[in-house]
Amino acid sequence: MRNLLPAERYVGPDWFTREMEGWRKRCWLFAAMAQEVAEEGAWRALDLAGVPVVLWNAGGGLQAYLNVCSHRHSPICHQAAGRGRLQCPYHGWVYGEDGRVCAIPSRPKFADLTPERVEELALKRFRVARAGDFIFVALDGTVPPLEEYLGGAMGWLEEMSAGCGARAGAFDTAYAGNWKLVLENTLESYHAACVHPDTLNPGRGHDSVFEEAGPHSRMFESNAGKAERSWKLLEPNFEGRGQALAGYCHTSIFPNLNIGTGYGATYAVMRFAPLAPDLTRVECAVHGCRGPALPGGRAVLARQWFTDGVLEFVKKVVEEDRAVVEGSQRGIAFAQSDGMLSEEECRIATFQRACLRLEGGG
């Protein structure tokens, strides 16, 4: 079948602006894992569809506010993560758990700062919801409830939350490519034999099983050969893990979350942040599994060794993918056609239909 999106949608700034508006108006956006903001006062500063947001564990729950001070528009939280009160580093204004201004240095010197005006200066609040341990933010009040938005994928995330354990390592990177090209590359294994001949199993993707839930999708693959034999030797160390799978599962939640898990032993969680028509930041965290390890210490060491290896593996795959994605970004500006999709790339068609619906089309 033909690509559902014209080549121009991958290069034009006007398309990028319209798509980010669609993210803001029609989508729940993945923000963080619950363990990242588990402690009271913990916060994460995020770019969600170009909007600066701070996700904050305060007042007995999760809050999401515009990360912009109402005084002179400085970011309130400059670091990626932290813990404590929300205090602007520019002039020291402090915001409470409800987003209202609760402390203003030299307040008497503001002539017209009436109580009513102070109320108006409260931070803009966004909706927050969870699917298991996955935290999402909606930037527009008209976005349907998260359960409706996710549909059947709600259950997928709850299942993975039962298995996904502590974060073992993380890295950030950036692709010189449109966000759609970056994500589409993750939605098929057709390229594996050419791009990852030594990293991934030969022939991977030809026995894949696909499942859709609206704009979201997942893929199951069995392993064979050396990878499967290695896993059989290690598997006793993972007895009791929270989610036992027979192979590899890759899940994509539209528009900015991917999770890959092998056997339910490790989980690679990726958050995508489009920054420009040809620039996309990718944040990746690798987690171990939940579930008690066998006594004696050997299983604990085996799990750590395996998880560390997966982190390095994911870094290598990302670098191998970068070359082809960035090459495609350069080439698509000169495309003579909109491209083609095979049956092995059916998840890309699902993704592209979701992109069309960002503007009410498709």
Protein backbone atom coordinates (compact mmCIF):
# COMPACT_ATOMS: atom_id res chain seq x y z
CA MET A 1 0.00 0.00 0.00
CA ARG A 2 1.03 3.62 -0.42
CA ASN A 3 2.24 5.76 2.44
CA LEU A 4 -0.76 7.54 3.91
CA LEU A 5 1.18 10.75 4.57
CA PRO A 6 2.66 12.89 1.79
CA ALA A 7 6.42 13.42 1.90
CA GLU A 8 5.96 17.15 2.51
CA ARG A 9 4.53 16.45 5.98
CA TYR A 10 7.97 15.35 7.15
CA VAL A 11 9.79 18.56 6.23
CA GLY A 12 7.46 21.56 6.40
CA PRO A 13 7.33 23.86 9.44
CA ASP A 14 3.64 24.54 8.83
CA TRP A 15 2.83 20.83 9.10
CA PHE A 16 4.93 20.56 12.26
CA THR A 17 3.04 23.45 13.86
CA ARG A 18 -0.32 21.91 12.99
CA GLU A 19 0.72 18.50 14.33
CA MET A 20 1.93 19.93 17.63
CA GLU A 21 -1.38 21.75 17.93
CA GLY A 22 -3.04 18.36 17.42
CA TRP A 23 -0.93 16.86 20.20
CA ARG A 24 -2.04 19.65 22.51
CA LYS A 25 -5.75 19.53 21.60
CA ARG A 26 -6.41 15.82 21.05
CA CYS A 27 -3.87 13.65 22.89
CA TRP A 28 -2.84 12.40 26.28
CA LEU A 29 0.95 12.75 26.36
CA PHE A 30 3.22 10.41 28.26
CA ALA A 31 5.09 12.39 30.91
CA ALA A 32 6.91 10.05 33.31
CA MET A 33 6.93 6.78 35.19
CA ALA A 34 5.40 6.88 38.66
CA GLN A 35 8.72 6.00 40.31
CA GLU A 36 10.26 9.20 38.90
CA VAL A 37 7.98 11.34 41.08
CA ALA A 38 7.19 8.86 43.85
CA GLU A 39 8.47 11.01 46.73
CA GLU A 40 6.48 13.90 48.14
CA GLY A 41 7.77 17.12 46.57
CA ALA A 42 9.47 15.38 43.61
CA TRP A 43 9.02 17.11 40.26
CA ARG A 44 9.96 16.68 36.62
CA ALA A 45 10.24 19.50 34.07
CA LEU A 46 9.05 18.48 30.62
CA ASP A 47 8.55 19.73 27.09
CA LEU A 48 5.17 18.42 25.94
CA ALA A 49 4.32 19.43 22.37
CA GLY A 50 6.39 22.59 22.87
CA VAL A 51 4.65 23.49 26.15
CA PRO A 52 6.87 23.75 29.25
CA VAL A 53 5.22 21.63 31.97
CA VAL A 54 6.22 20.70 35.51
CA LEU A 55 4.86 17.44 36.90
CA TRP A 56 4.85 17.68 40.70
CA ASN A 57 4.03 15.26 43.51
CA ALA A 58 2.41 17.64 45.97
CA GLY A 59 -0.66 17.87 48.16
CA GLY A 60 -1.08 14.12 48.29
CA GLY A 61 -1.24 13.66 44.53
CA LEU A 62 0.21 14.47 41.15
CA GLN A 63 -0.15 17.99 39.78
CA ALA A 64 0.83 19.37 36.39
CA TYR A 65 1.36 23.08 35.87
CA LEU A 66 2.67 25.42 33.22
CA ASN A 67 6.36 25.78 34.02
CA VAL A 68 6.35 29.56 33.53
CA CYS A 69 6.41 32.13 36.33
CA SER A 70 3.50 34.59 36.20
CA HIS A 71 5.77 37.49 37.19
CA ARG A 72 8.26 37.86 34.35
CA HIS A 73 7.79 34.54 32.51
CA SER A 74 10.95 32.76 33.60
CA PRO A 75 10.89 28.96 33.78
CA ILE A 76 10.25 27.97 37.39
CA CYS A 77 12.07 24.64 37.22
CA HIS A 78 15.25 24.84 35.14
CA GLN A 79 16.60 21.35 35.82
CA ALA A 80 15.13 18.16 34.40
CA ALA A 81 14.14 16.90 37.84
CA GLY A 82 14.25 17.91 41.48
CA ARG A 83 12.42 17.93 44.78
CA GLY A 84 10.95 20.71 46.88
CA ARG A 85 8.74 23.73 46.48
CA LEU A 86 8.18 25.53 43.19
CA GLN A 87 10.22 28.72 43.48
CA CYS A 88 11.17 30.83 40.50
CA PRO A 89 14.97 31.31 40.47
CA TYR A 90 14.65 34.75 38.83
CA HIS A 91 12.87 36.79 41.52
CA GLY A 92 11.91 34.18 44.10
CA TRP A 93 8.16 33.93 43.63
CA VAL A 94 6.85 30.74 45.27
CA TYR A 95 3.85 28.66 44.21
CA GLY A 96 1.84 26.38 46.45
CA GLU A 97 0.46 22.90 45.87
CA ASP A 98 -2.67 24.38 44.30
CA GLY A 99 -0.65 26.46 41.82
CA ARG A 100 -1.43 29.75 43.55
CA VAL A 101 1.25 32.30 44.36
CA CYS A 102 2.00 31.91 48.07
CA ALA A 103 5.09 34.11 48.55
CA ILE A 104 6.26 37.26 46.75
CA PRO A 105 9.46 39.02 47.82
CA SER A 106 8.93 42.76 48.43
CA ARG A 107 5.21 42.38 47.88
CA PRO A 108 4.31 45.88 49.26
CA LYS A 109 6.22 47.46 46.38
CA PHE A 110 3.68 46.08 43.88
CA ALA A 111 1.09 48.87 43.84
CA ASP A 112 -1.78 46.99 42.22
CA LEU A 113 -1.20 43.46 43.53
CA THR A 114 -4.66 43.00 45.03
CA PRO A 115 -5.84 39.62 46.39
CA GLU A 116 -7.96 39.25 43.24
CA ARG A 117 -4.94 39.87 41.03
CA VAL A 118 -2.90 37.32 42.98
CA GLU A 119 -5.61 34.73 42.28
CA GLU A 120 -5.35 35.51 38.57
CA LEU A 121 -1.60 34.84 38.69
CA ALA A 122 -2.03 31.18 39.64
CA LEU A 123 -0.24 28.73 37.37
CA LYS A 124 -2.24 27.12 34.60
CA ARG A 125 -3.16 23.59 35.62
CA PHE A 126 -3.28 20.55 33.33
CA ARG A 127 -5.04 17.22 33.85
CA VAL A 128 -2.97 14.26 35.04
CA ALA A 129 -3.97 10.59 34.86
CA ARG A 130 -2.30 7.21 35.23
CA ALA A 131 -2.43 3.89 33.45
CA GLY A 132 -0.69 1.63 35.93
CA ASP A 133 2.68 3.27 36.54
CA PHE A 134 2.58 5.33 33.33
CA ILE A 135 1.70 8.99 33.93
CA PHE A 136 0.03 11.07 31.23
CA VAL A 137 -0.82 14.77 30.90
CA ALA A 138 -3.59 16.34 28.78
CA LEU A 139 -2.94 19.93 27.73
CA ASP A 140 -6.53 20.63 26.67
CA GLY A 141 -9.63 20.19 28.77
CA THR A 142 -11.60 18.71 25.88
CA VAL A 143 -9.39 15.60 25.50
CA PRO A 144 -11.50 12.54 26.45
CA PRO A 145 -10.69 10.70 29.71
CA LEU A 146 -7.50 8.64 29.59
CA GLU A 147 -9.40 5.34 29.79
CA GLU A 148 -11.36 6.28 26.67
CA TYR A 149 -8.27 7.59 24.87
CA LEU A 150 -6.26 4.42 25.50
CA GLY A 151 -9.07 1.91 25.02
CA GLY A 152 -7.63 -1.60 25.06
CA ALA A 153 -4.12 -0.22 25.48
CA MET A 154 -5.03 0.70 29.07
CA GLY A 155 -4.80 -2.99 29.91
CA TRP A 156 -1.47 -3.32 28.11
CA LEU A 157 0.07 -0.63 30.30
CA GLU A 158 -1.40 -2.09 33.47
CA GLU A 159 0.06 -5.50 32.59
CA MET A 160 3.50 -4.00 31.99
CA SER A 161 3.29 -2.01 35.21
CA ALA A 162 2.98 -5.31 37.07
CA GLY A 163 6.32 -6.36 35.57
CA CYS A 164 8.31 -3.16 35.15
CA GLY A 165 10.71 -2.65 38.06
CA ALA A 166 13.28 -0.10 39.17
CA ARG A 167 15.11 2.06 36.67
CA ALA A 168 18.57 0.63 36.00
CA GLY A 169 19.94 3.28 33.65
CA ALA A 170 18.90 6.00 31.21
CA PHE A 171 20.17 8.14 28.37
CA ASP A 172 18.90 10.98 26.18
CA THR A 173 19.70 11.53 22.56
CA ALA A 174 18.46 13.55 19.60
CA TYR A 175 17.75 12.61 16.01
CA ALA A 176 18.12 15.09 13.16
CA GLY A 177 14.80 13.84 11.88
CA ASN A 178 11.07 14.50 11.93
CA TRP A 179 9.26 12.90 14.85
CA LYS A 180 7.17 10.75 12.53
CA LEU A 181 10.22 9.25 10.82
CA VAL A 182 11.78 8.53 14.21
CA LEU A 183 8.67 6.75 15.47
CA GLU A 184 7.90 4.94 12.23
CA ASN A 185 11.34 3.37 12.34
CA THR A 186 10.44 1.79 15.69
CA LEU A 187 7.20 0.29 14.38
CA GLU A 188 8.64 -2.33 12.05
CA SER A 189 11.35 -4.99 12.04
CA TYR A 190 11.54 -5.12 8.24
CA HIS A 191 14.77 -3.08 8.40
CA ALA A 192 16.44 -5.26 11.05
CA ALA A 193 18.37 -7.55 8.70
CA CYS A 194 19.95 -4.60 6.88
CA VAL A 195 20.43 -2.07 9.69
CA HIS A 196 21.04 -4.41 12.65
CA PRO A 197 22.61 -7.56 11.10
CA ASP A 198 24.79 -8.25 14.13
CA THR A 199 22.69 -6.62 16.85
CA LEU A 200 19.31 -8.28 16.30
CA ASN A 201 18.37 -11.84 15.40
CA PRO A 202 18.60 -12.69 11.68
CA GLY A 203 15.14 -12.90 10.16
CA ARG A 204 13.54 -11.00 13.00
CA GLY A 205 10.08 -9.67 12.27
CA HIS A 206 8.91 -12.35 9.85
CA ASP A 207 6.89 -14.19 12.52
CA SER A 208 5.47 -11.08 14.16
CA VAL A 209 1.95 -10.91 15.55
CA PHE A 210 0.32 -7.46 15.60
CA GLU A 211 -2.45 -6.00 17.73
CA GLU A 212 -4.17 -2.61 17.53
CA ALA A 213 -6.18 -0.52 19.97
CA GLY A 214 -7.27 2.58 18.07
CA PRO A 215 -4.11 4.61 17.31
CA HIS A 216 -2.00 2.42 19.61
CA SER A 217 -0.38 -0.87 18.65
CA ARG A 218 1.87 -3.65 19.85
CA MET A 219 3.88 -6.43 18.30
CA PHE A 220 4.94 -9.84 19.60
CA GLU A 221 7.94 -11.73 18.27
CA SER A 222 9.39 -15.06 19.29
CA ASN A 223 13.14 -15.48 19.58
CA ALA A 224 15.20 -18.30 18.15
CA GLY A 225 18.75 -19.51 17.86
CA LYS A 226 21.49 -18.11 20.07
CA ALA A 227 19.26 -15.52 21.75
CA GLU A 228 16.71 -18.13 22.81
CA ARG A 229 19.38 -20.56 24.04
CA SER A 230 20.99 -17.80 26.11
CA TRP A 231 17.64 -16.87 27.63
CA LYS A 232 16.90 -20.46 28.63
CA LEU A 233 20.12 -20.49 30.65
CA LEU A 234 19.21 -17.22 32.37
CA GLU A 235 15.49 -17.73 32.85
CA PRO A 236 15.70 -19.51 36.24
CA ASN A 237 17.12 -16.27 37.67
CA PHE A 238 13.92 -14.47 36.64
CA GLU A 239 11.40 -16.84 38.19
CA GLY A 240 8.60 -14.93 39.87
CA ARG A 241 8.87 -11.90 37.59
CA GLY A 242 5.70 -9.84 37.39
CA GLN A 243 5.06 -10.33 33.66
CA ALA A 244 6.33 -13.54 32.08
CA LEU A 245 6.46 -13.36 28.27
CA ALA A 246 7.67 -15.94 25.79
CA GLY A 247 9.61 -13.50 23.61
CA TYR A 248 9.77 -9.83 22.69
CA CYS A 249 6.88 -7.35 22.89
CA HIS A 250 6.99 -3.80 21.53
CA THR A 251 4.18 -1.40 22.46
CA SER A 252 3.55 2.05 21.00
CA ILE A 253 1.15 4.51 22.64
CA PHE A 254 0.33 7.38 20.29
CA PRO A 255 1.86 9.86 20.03
CA ASN A 256 4.99 9.80 22.23
CA LEU A 257 5.57 6.54 24.13
CA ASN A 258 7.23 3.25 23.23
CA ILE A 259 7.95 0.30 25.53
CA GLY A 260 9.99 -2.72 24.55
CA THR A 261 10.32 -5.78 26.77
CA GLY A 262 12.11 -9.05 26.27
CA TYR A 263 10.50 -11.90 28.21
CA GLY A 264 9.25 -9.41 30.82
CA ALA A 265 12.80 -9.39 32.18
CA THR A 266 13.67 -5.81 31.22
CA TYR A 267 11.72 -2.83 29.91
CA ALA A 268 13.01 -0.05 27.66
CA VAL A 269 10.71 2.97 28.06
CA MET A 270 11.10 5.72 25.43
CA ARG A 271 9.53 9.18 25.46
CA PHE A 272 9.65 11.23 22.25
CA ALA A 273 9.76 15.03 22.24
CA PRO A 274 9.55 16.79 18.83
CA LEU A 275 11.60 19.99 18.97
CA ALA A 276 11.52 21.12 15.31
CA PRO A 277 10.42 19.72 11.94
CA ASP A 278 13.79 17.97 11.67
CA LEU A 279 14.78 17.48 15.31
CA THR A 280 13.43 14.99 17.85
CA ARG A 281 14.69 14.28 21.36
CA VAL A 282 14.40 10.72 22.65
CA GLU A 283 14.57 9.91 26.35
CA CYS A 284 15.19 6.24 27.10
CA ALA A 285 15.16 4.48 30.46
CA VAL A 286 15.84 0.77 30.95
CA HIS A 287 14.11 -0.91 33.89
CA GLY A 288 14.57 -4.26 35.50
CA CYS A 289 11.68 -6.50 36.46
CA ARG A 290 9.49 -6.74 39.52
CA GLY A 291 9.35 -9.93 41.51
CA PRO A 292 11.50 -11.57 44.17
CA ALA A 293 14.87 -12.97 43.15
CA LEU A 294 15.90 -16.41 44.36
CA PRO A 295 17.88 -16.38 47.62
CA GLY A 296 21.65 -16.61 47.62
CA GLY A 297 22.54 -13.53 45.57
CA ARG A 298 23.21 -15.26 42.26
CA ALA A 299 19.85 -14.31 40.77
CA VAL A 300 20.28 -10.69 41.85
CA LEU A 301 23.65 -10.51 40.11
CA ALA A 302 22.31 -12.26 37.01
CA ARG A 303 19.41 -9.82 36.76
CA GLN A 304 21.74 -6.84 37.12
CA TRP A 305 24.15 -8.22 34.52
CA PHE A 306 21.29 -8.84 32.09
CA THR A 307 19.75 -5.39 32.61
CA ASP A 308 23.11 -3.64 32.17
CA GLY A 309 23.60 -5.55 28.94
CA VAL A 310 20.17 -4.51 27.66
CA LEU A 311 20.98 -0.85 28.35
CA GLU A 312 24.12 -1.06 26.20
CA PHE A 313 22.19 -3.02 23.57
CA VAL A 314 19.50 -0.33 23.34
CA LYS A 315 22.15 2.39 22.99
CA LYS A 316 23.71 0.49 20.09
CA VAL A 317 20.37 -0.07 18.34
CA VAL A 318 19.51 3.63 18.70
CA GLU A 319 22.82 4.64 17.12
CA GLU A 320 22.35 2.21 14.25
CA ASP A 321 18.83 3.54 13.67
CA ARG A 322 20.02 7.14 13.79
CA ALA A 323 22.03 6.79 10.58
CA VAL A 324 19.08 5.55 8.52
CA VAL A 325 16.51 7.91 10.03
CA GLU A 326 18.69 10.97 9.49
CA GLY A 327 19.47 9.77 5.97
CA SER A 328 15.75 9.42 5.27
CA GLN A 329 15.17 12.93 6.59
CA ARG A 330 17.69 14.30 4.08
CA GLY A 331 16.26 12.22 1.27
CA ILE A 332 12.57 12.89 1.84
CA ALA A 333 13.02 16.54 0.89
CA PHE A 334 13.69 15.29 -2.66
CA ALA A 335 11.14 12.45 -2.71
CA GLN A 336 9.61 11.60 -6.09
CA SER A 337 6.73 9.71 -4.46
CA ASP A 338 5.11 9.35 -1.06
CA GLY A 339 6.61 5.87 -0.52
CA MET A 340 5.21 2.37 0.05
CA LEU A 341 4.39 0.12 2.99
CA SER A 342 4.53 -3.68 3.19
CA GLU A 343 2.47 -6.01 5.37
CA GLU A 344 5.39 -6.07 7.83
CA GLU A 345 4.97 -2.29 8.17
CA CYS A 346 1.25 -2.38 9.02
CA ARG A 347 1.83 -0.63 12.35
CA ILE A 348 3.14 2.38 10.43
CA ALA A 349 -0.20 2.58 8.63
CA THR A 350 -1.96 2.59 12.02
CA PHE A 351 0.36 5.36 13.18
CA GLN A 352 -0.16 7.40 10.01
CA ARG A 353 -3.93 7.17 10.28
CA ALA A 354 -3.59 8.55 13.81
CA CYS A 355 -1.49 11.41 12.45
CA LEU A 356 -4.24 12.24 9.97
CA ARG A 357 -6.78 12.31 12.80
CA LEU A 358 -4.69 14.91 14.64
CA GLU A 359 -6.31 17.43 12.30
CA GLY A 360 -9.70 15.78 12.11
CA GLY A 361 -8.89 13.97 8.87
CA GLY A 362 -8.39 10.30 8.07
